[in-house]
């Protein structure tokens, strides 16, 4: 059986998308592993299914490259919004997408002359700070600038959930880090019972961050929407950025803009269709 897929990316965070609004999709966990292989298949950071919803314009299920299912992905939400607007012809300036972390709204910006959707703002919701809800094995309330021993080094970490768990580490230029070794050490640390996404952040200036992300289940990615949000919120909590002001988050795949109001987090960035194809399932 052949199925049409769309390869889409947001700031280099690329997933393989299947339209399942009318046709079901079999065994997504195994296929996520197979199809994400960059050498022997399509290649991507994972697989995303666009499904029907009774309470929103569509429902998203996303699977990491190792087959594990994620609850949220800010870059995938923008890509789905582009697909709905440009391909499916749902010309709503505000689209709703059901996720395992609740219903998310996406505002669409279009090019003046072509009408093509090119930029998207996602209401990512309110950050979660309670350790048991992240989850993270820490006592007390917010985990802000808290010491954590990883290997033989103690890091100062700030932890929160943006629908999925994040650990933010501030330091020098993240380009100098050996993420192949450091990333898994954080991801599999016993303090994080459901594993963790880790952001390594350098403060470039007021409201300006440079970030590398190691995602649970996928490894290092060129961008991570929830990771950019987590880094920005952590920067506000640590006094490196201002609440209520746009924060520029530079990732290897591009720059995303994050606004933390104290109540919710808005993520703004591009989304592009790289190509369309068919694959035998």
Protein backbone atom coordinates (compact mmCIF):
# COMPACT_ATOMS: atom_id res chain seq x y z
CA UNK A 1 0.00 0.00 0.00
CA UNK A 2 1.38 3.40 -0.98
CA UNK A 3 0.67 6.47 1.14
CA UNK A 4 1.29 10.12 0.29
CA UNK A 5 3.43 12.01 2.78
CA UNK A 6 4.58 15.60 3.19
CA UNK A 7 8.04 16.42 4.47
CA UNK A 8 7.75 19.72 6.36
CA UNK A 9 10.12 21.66 8.58
CA UNK A 10 10.00 24.52 11.04
CA UNK A 11 13.42 26.10 11.57
CA UNK A 12 14.99 22.81 10.45
CA UNK A 13 12.97 20.62 12.83
CA UNK A 14 11.72 18.20 10.16
CA UNK A 15 9.00 15.59 10.42
CA UNK A 16 7.22 13.26 8.02
CA UNK A 17 3.52 14.14 7.91
CA UNK A 18 0.62 11.89 6.92
CA UNK A 19 -2.90 13.14 6.28
CA UNK A 20 -5.12 10.71 8.21
CA UNK A 21 -8.24 12.86 8.17
CA UNK A 22 -10.05 10.21 6.13
CA UNK A 23 -7.76 7.15 6.10
CA UNK A 24 -6.28 5.48 9.22
CA UNK A 25 -2.56 4.89 9.57
CA UNK A 26 -1.15 1.53 10.73
CA UNK A 27 1.37 0.94 13.57
CA UNK A 28 2.87 4.46 13.76
CA UNK A 29 5.51 3.59 16.39
CA UNK A 30 7.32 1.05 14.21
CA UNK A 31 6.95 3.16 11.07
CA UNK A 32 8.32 6.21 12.88
CA UNK A 33 11.57 4.34 13.48
CA UNK A 34 11.72 3.00 9.94
CA UNK A 35 10.78 6.16 8.03
CA UNK A 36 12.88 8.54 10.17
CA UNK A 37 16.10 6.82 9.12
CA UNK A 38 18.04 9.41 7.12
CA UNK A 39 20.10 6.84 5.22
CA UNK A 40 17.66 4.06 4.34
CA UNK A 41 14.31 5.88 4.22
CA UNK A 42 12.74 9.34 4.02
CA UNK A 43 14.54 10.75 7.04
CA UNK A 44 13.32 13.11 9.73
CA UNK A 45 13.12 13.89 13.44
CA UNK A 46 10.00 11.76 13.62
CA UNK A 47 6.54 11.15 12.23
CA UNK A 48 3.37 13.24 12.62
CA UNK A 49 -0.20 12.14 11.94
CA UNK A 50 -2.92 14.68 11.08
CA UNK A 51 -6.14 13.17 12.38
CA UNK A 52 -9.81 14.19 12.59
CA UNK A 53 -11.05 15.86 15.76
CA UNK A 54 -14.50 16.51 17.17
CA UNK A 55 -13.34 19.56 19.12
CA UNK A 56 -10.77 21.23 16.84
CA UNK A 57 -9.83 21.65 13.17
CA UNK A 58 -7.69 18.50 13.49
CA UNK A 59 -5.81 16.34 15.99
CA UNK A 60 -2.04 15.79 16.10
CA UNK A 61 -0.16 12.67 17.11
CA UNK A 62 3.61 12.86 16.92
CA UNK A 63 6.23 10.15 17.29
CA UNK A 64 9.93 10.62 17.85
CA UNK A 65 12.58 8.92 15.75
CA UNK A 66 12.85 6.11 18.32
CA UNK A 67 9.12 5.39 18.11
CA UNK A 68 8.16 6.97 21.44
CA UNK A 69 5.09 9.20 21.36
CA UNK A 70 5.37 12.85 22.33
CA UNK A 71 2.66 15.09 23.71
CA UNK A 72 3.62 18.39 22.11
CA UNK A 73 5.72 19.91 19.34
CA UNK A 74 5.56 23.63 18.60
CA UNK A 75 7.29 23.33 15.24
CA UNK A 76 4.93 20.53 14.17
CA UNK A 77 1.92 22.64 15.12
CA UNK A 78 3.07 25.39 12.76
CA UNK A 79 3.65 22.89 9.96
CA UNK A 80 0.20 21.38 10.43
CA UNK A 81 -1.32 24.86 10.31
CA UNK A 82 0.47 25.51 7.01
CA UNK A 83 -0.80 22.20 5.63
CA UNK A 84 -4.38 22.94 6.66
CA UNK A 85 -4.25 26.47 5.24
CA UNK A 86 -2.28 26.00 2.00
CA UNK A 87 -3.01 22.38 1.05
CA UNK A 88 -6.42 21.57 2.55
CA UNK A 89 -7.82 25.04 1.90
CA UNK A 90 -9.02 25.72 5.44
CA UNK A 91 -8.58 29.48 5.20
CA UNK A 92 -9.06 30.34 8.86
CA UNK A 93 -6.68 32.93 10.26
CA UNK A 94 -6.88 31.10 13.58
CA UNK A 95 -6.68 27.31 13.50
CA UNK A 96 -7.21 24.91 16.39
CA UNK A 97 -5.24 21.68 16.82
CA UNK A 98 -5.97 19.03 19.42
CA UNK A 99 -2.87 17.57 21.11
CA UNK A 100 -2.15 15.31 24.07
CA UNK A 101 -1.34 18.54 25.93
CA UNK A 102 -4.72 20.13 25.12
CA UNK A 103 -6.10 22.23 22.28
CA UNK A 104 -3.63 24.74 20.84
CA UNK A 105 -4.52 27.76 18.71
CA UNK A 106 -2.36 28.88 15.80
CA UNK A 107 -2.58 32.33 14.19
CA UNK A 108 -1.70 32.41 10.49
CA UNK A 109 0.12 35.18 8.61
CA UNK A 110 0.03 35.21 4.81
CA UNK A 111 2.06 36.80 2.05
CA UNK A 112 0.30 39.85 0.64
CA UNK A 113 0.61 39.01 -3.07
CA UNK A 114 0.28 35.20 -3.06
CA UNK A 115 -1.88 34.52 -0.01
CA UNK A 116 0.51 31.73 1.02
CA UNK A 117 0.84 31.08 4.75
CA UNK A 118 4.42 31.76 5.86
CA UNK A 119 4.52 32.61 9.58
CA UNK A 120 2.58 31.27 12.52
CA UNK A 121 2.05 32.16 16.19
CA UNK A 122 1.15 29.32 18.51
CA UNK A 123 -0.41 29.85 21.93
CA UNK A 124 1.64 27.19 23.72
CA UNK A 125 -0.23 27.53 27.01
CA UNK A 126 0.94 28.09 30.56
CA UNK A 127 4.26 26.62 31.69
CA UNK A 128 4.12 23.98 34.42
CA UNK A 129 6.62 24.34 37.25
CA UNK A 130 5.54 21.83 39.89
CA UNK A 131 8.21 19.07 39.92
CA UNK A 132 5.74 16.17 40.11
CA UNK A 133 3.92 17.47 37.04
CA UNK A 134 7.04 17.94 34.86
CA UNK A 135 7.92 15.21 36.10
CA UNK A 136 11.23 15.73 37.89
CA UNK A 137 12.44 14.26 41.16
CA UNK A 138 13.04 17.50 43.05
CA UNK A 139 11.52 18.75 46.28
CA UNK A 140 9.74 22.07 46.73
CA UNK A 141 8.19 24.42 44.20
CA UNK A 142 9.84 25.87 41.10
CA UNK A 143 13.14 24.31 40.03
CA UNK A 144 15.13 27.47 39.25
CA UNK A 145 18.94 27.46 39.19
CA UNK A 146 19.01 24.18 41.11
CA UNK A 147 22.21 22.11 41.37
CA UNK A 148 22.18 18.76 39.54
CA UNK A 149 25.08 16.32 39.38
CA UNK A 150 25.41 14.85 35.88
CA UNK A 151 28.39 12.54 35.54
CA UNK A 152 31.15 14.21 37.52
CA UNK A 153 29.95 17.80 36.93
CA UNK A 154 27.37 19.81 38.86
CA UNK A 155 25.12 21.93 36.64
CA UNK A 156 22.67 24.67 37.59
CA UNK A 157 19.35 23.68 36.03
CA UNK A 158 15.89 25.19 35.59
CA UNK A 159 13.11 22.70 34.87
CA UNK A 160 9.57 23.10 33.56
CA UNK A 161 7.02 21.51 31.28
CA UNK A 162 5.67 22.99 28.07
CA UNK A 163 3.42 19.98 27.51
CA UNK A 164 6.60 17.89 27.63
CA UNK A 165 9.46 18.03 30.16
CA UNK A 166 12.44 20.37 29.79
CA UNK A 167 15.68 21.01 31.63
CA UNK A 168 17.44 24.30 30.82
CA UNK A 169 21.16 24.82 31.45
CA UNK A 170 22.77 28.27 31.08
CA UNK A 171 26.45 28.54 30.23
CA UNK A 172 28.97 29.40 27.56
CA UNK A 173 28.62 28.91 23.79
CA UNK A 174 26.66 25.65 23.37
CA UNK A 175 28.43 25.04 20.05
CA UNK A 176 31.49 24.01 22.10
CA UNK A 177 29.65 21.21 23.93
CA UNK A 178 29.91 17.50 23.11
CA UNK A 179 26.17 16.87 22.95
CA UNK A 180 26.61 13.27 21.79
CA UNK A 181 27.83 12.46 25.30
CA UNK A 182 26.21 15.20 27.39
CA UNK A 183 22.72 14.98 25.87
CA UNK A 184 22.05 11.32 26.74
CA UNK A 185 23.49 11.85 30.25
CA UNK A 186 20.77 14.44 30.91
CA UNK A 187 18.03 12.60 29.00
CA UNK A 188 18.48 9.40 31.02
CA UNK A 189 19.28 11.01 34.38
CA UNK A 190 17.36 9.35 37.27
CA UNK A 191 15.96 12.77 38.28
CA UNK A 192 13.73 12.59 35.19
CA UNK A 193 11.49 9.49 35.31
CA UNK A 194 10.04 10.07 31.82
CA UNK A 195 13.36 11.26 30.36
CA UNK A 196 13.95 14.91 29.55
CA UNK A 197 14.50 17.40 26.74
CA UNK A 198 17.55 19.51 27.52
CA UNK A 199 18.34 23.05 26.34
CA UNK A 200 21.92 24.33 26.55
CA UNK A 201 21.68 28.11 26.48
CA UNK A 202 24.05 31.04 26.07
CA UNK A 203 22.73 34.50 26.89
CA UNK A 204 23.77 36.77 24.02
CA UNK A 205 22.19 39.92 25.40
CA UNK A 206 18.93 41.22 26.78
CA UNK A 207 16.10 39.08 25.34
CA UNK A 208 18.53 37.23 23.06
CA UNK A 209 19.51 33.57 23.48
CA UNK A 210 21.57 30.97 21.61
CA UNK A 211 20.33 27.42 22.14
CA UNK A 212 21.15 23.82 21.30
CA UNK A 213 18.54 21.18 22.11
CA UNK A 214 18.86 17.48 22.82
CA UNK A 215 15.39 15.95 22.52
CA UNK A 216 14.35 12.78 24.26
CA UNK A 217 13.75 10.09 21.68
CA UNK A 218 15.30 12.04 18.80
CA UNK A 219 18.72 13.30 19.91
CA UNK A 220 19.96 16.72 18.85
CA UNK A 221 17.59 18.56 16.52
CA UNK A 222 18.10 21.76 14.55
CA UNK A 223 15.21 23.36 16.43
CA UNK A 224 12.61 22.56 19.07
CA UNK A 225 9.55 24.76 19.55
CA UNK A 226 8.77 23.71 23.12
CA UNK A 227 12.52 23.86 23.84
CA UNK A 228 12.72 27.45 22.61
CA UNK A 229 9.76 28.29 24.86
CA UNK A 230 11.34 26.53 27.84
CA UNK A 231 14.63 28.37 27.31
CA UNK A 232 12.84 31.73 27.12
CA UNK A 233 10.73 31.10 30.22
CA UNK A 234 13.83 29.93 32.10
CA UNK A 235 15.65 33.09 31.01
CA UNK A 236 12.86 35.20 32.51
CA UNK A 237 12.92 33.20 35.74
CA UNK A 238 16.69 33.64 36.02
CA UNK A 239 16.64 37.36 35.20
CA UNK A 240 18.25 37.11 31.76
CA UNK A 241 15.16 38.31 29.85
CA UNK A 242 12.03 40.32 30.53
CA UNK A 243 8.52 39.03 30.93
CA UNK A 244 6.09 40.45 28.38
CA UNK A 245 8.80 41.21 25.80
CA UNK A 246 9.73 39.28 22.66
CA UNK A 247 12.73 37.02 23.16
CA UNK A 248 14.83 35.95 20.17
CA UNK A 249 15.92 32.32 20.40
CA UNK A 250 18.65 31.42 17.90
CA UNK A 251 18.80 27.69 17.16
CA UNK A 252 21.01 25.88 14.63
CA UNK A 253 18.09 25.72 12.17
CA UNK A 254 16.90 29.31 12.54
CA UNK A 255 15.53 31.88 14.95
CA UNK A 256 12.20 31.63 16.76
CA UNK A 257 10.47 34.38 18.73
CA UNK A 258 9.01 33.67 22.15
CA UNK A 259 6.81 35.90 24.29
CA UNK A 260 6.16 34.87 27.90
CA UNK A 261 3.35 36.89 29.46
CA UNK A 262 3.48 35.25 32.87
CA UNK A 263 0.25 33.42 32.03
CA UNK A 264 0.93 31.88 28.65
CA UNK A 265 3.72 31.49 26.08
CA UNK A 266 3.46 32.55 22.44
CA UNK A 267 5.80 30.98 19.87
CA UNK A 268 6.26 32.61 16.46
CA UNK A 269 8.18 31.18 13.54
CA UNK A 270 8.06 29.88 9.96
CA UNK A 271 6.95 26.55 8.51
CA UNK A 272 7.74 25.18 5.07
CA UNK A 273 6.81 22.21 2.93
CA UNK A 274 10.08 20.67 1.74
CA UNK A 275 8.54 18.11 -0.63
CA UNK A 276 5.71 15.67 -1.20
CA UNK A 277 6.14 12.01 -2.03
CA UNK A 278 4.81 8.49 -1.79
CA UNK A 279 6.12 5.64 0.35
CA UNK A 280 5.15 1.99 0.50
CA UNK A 281 3.69 1.08 3.89
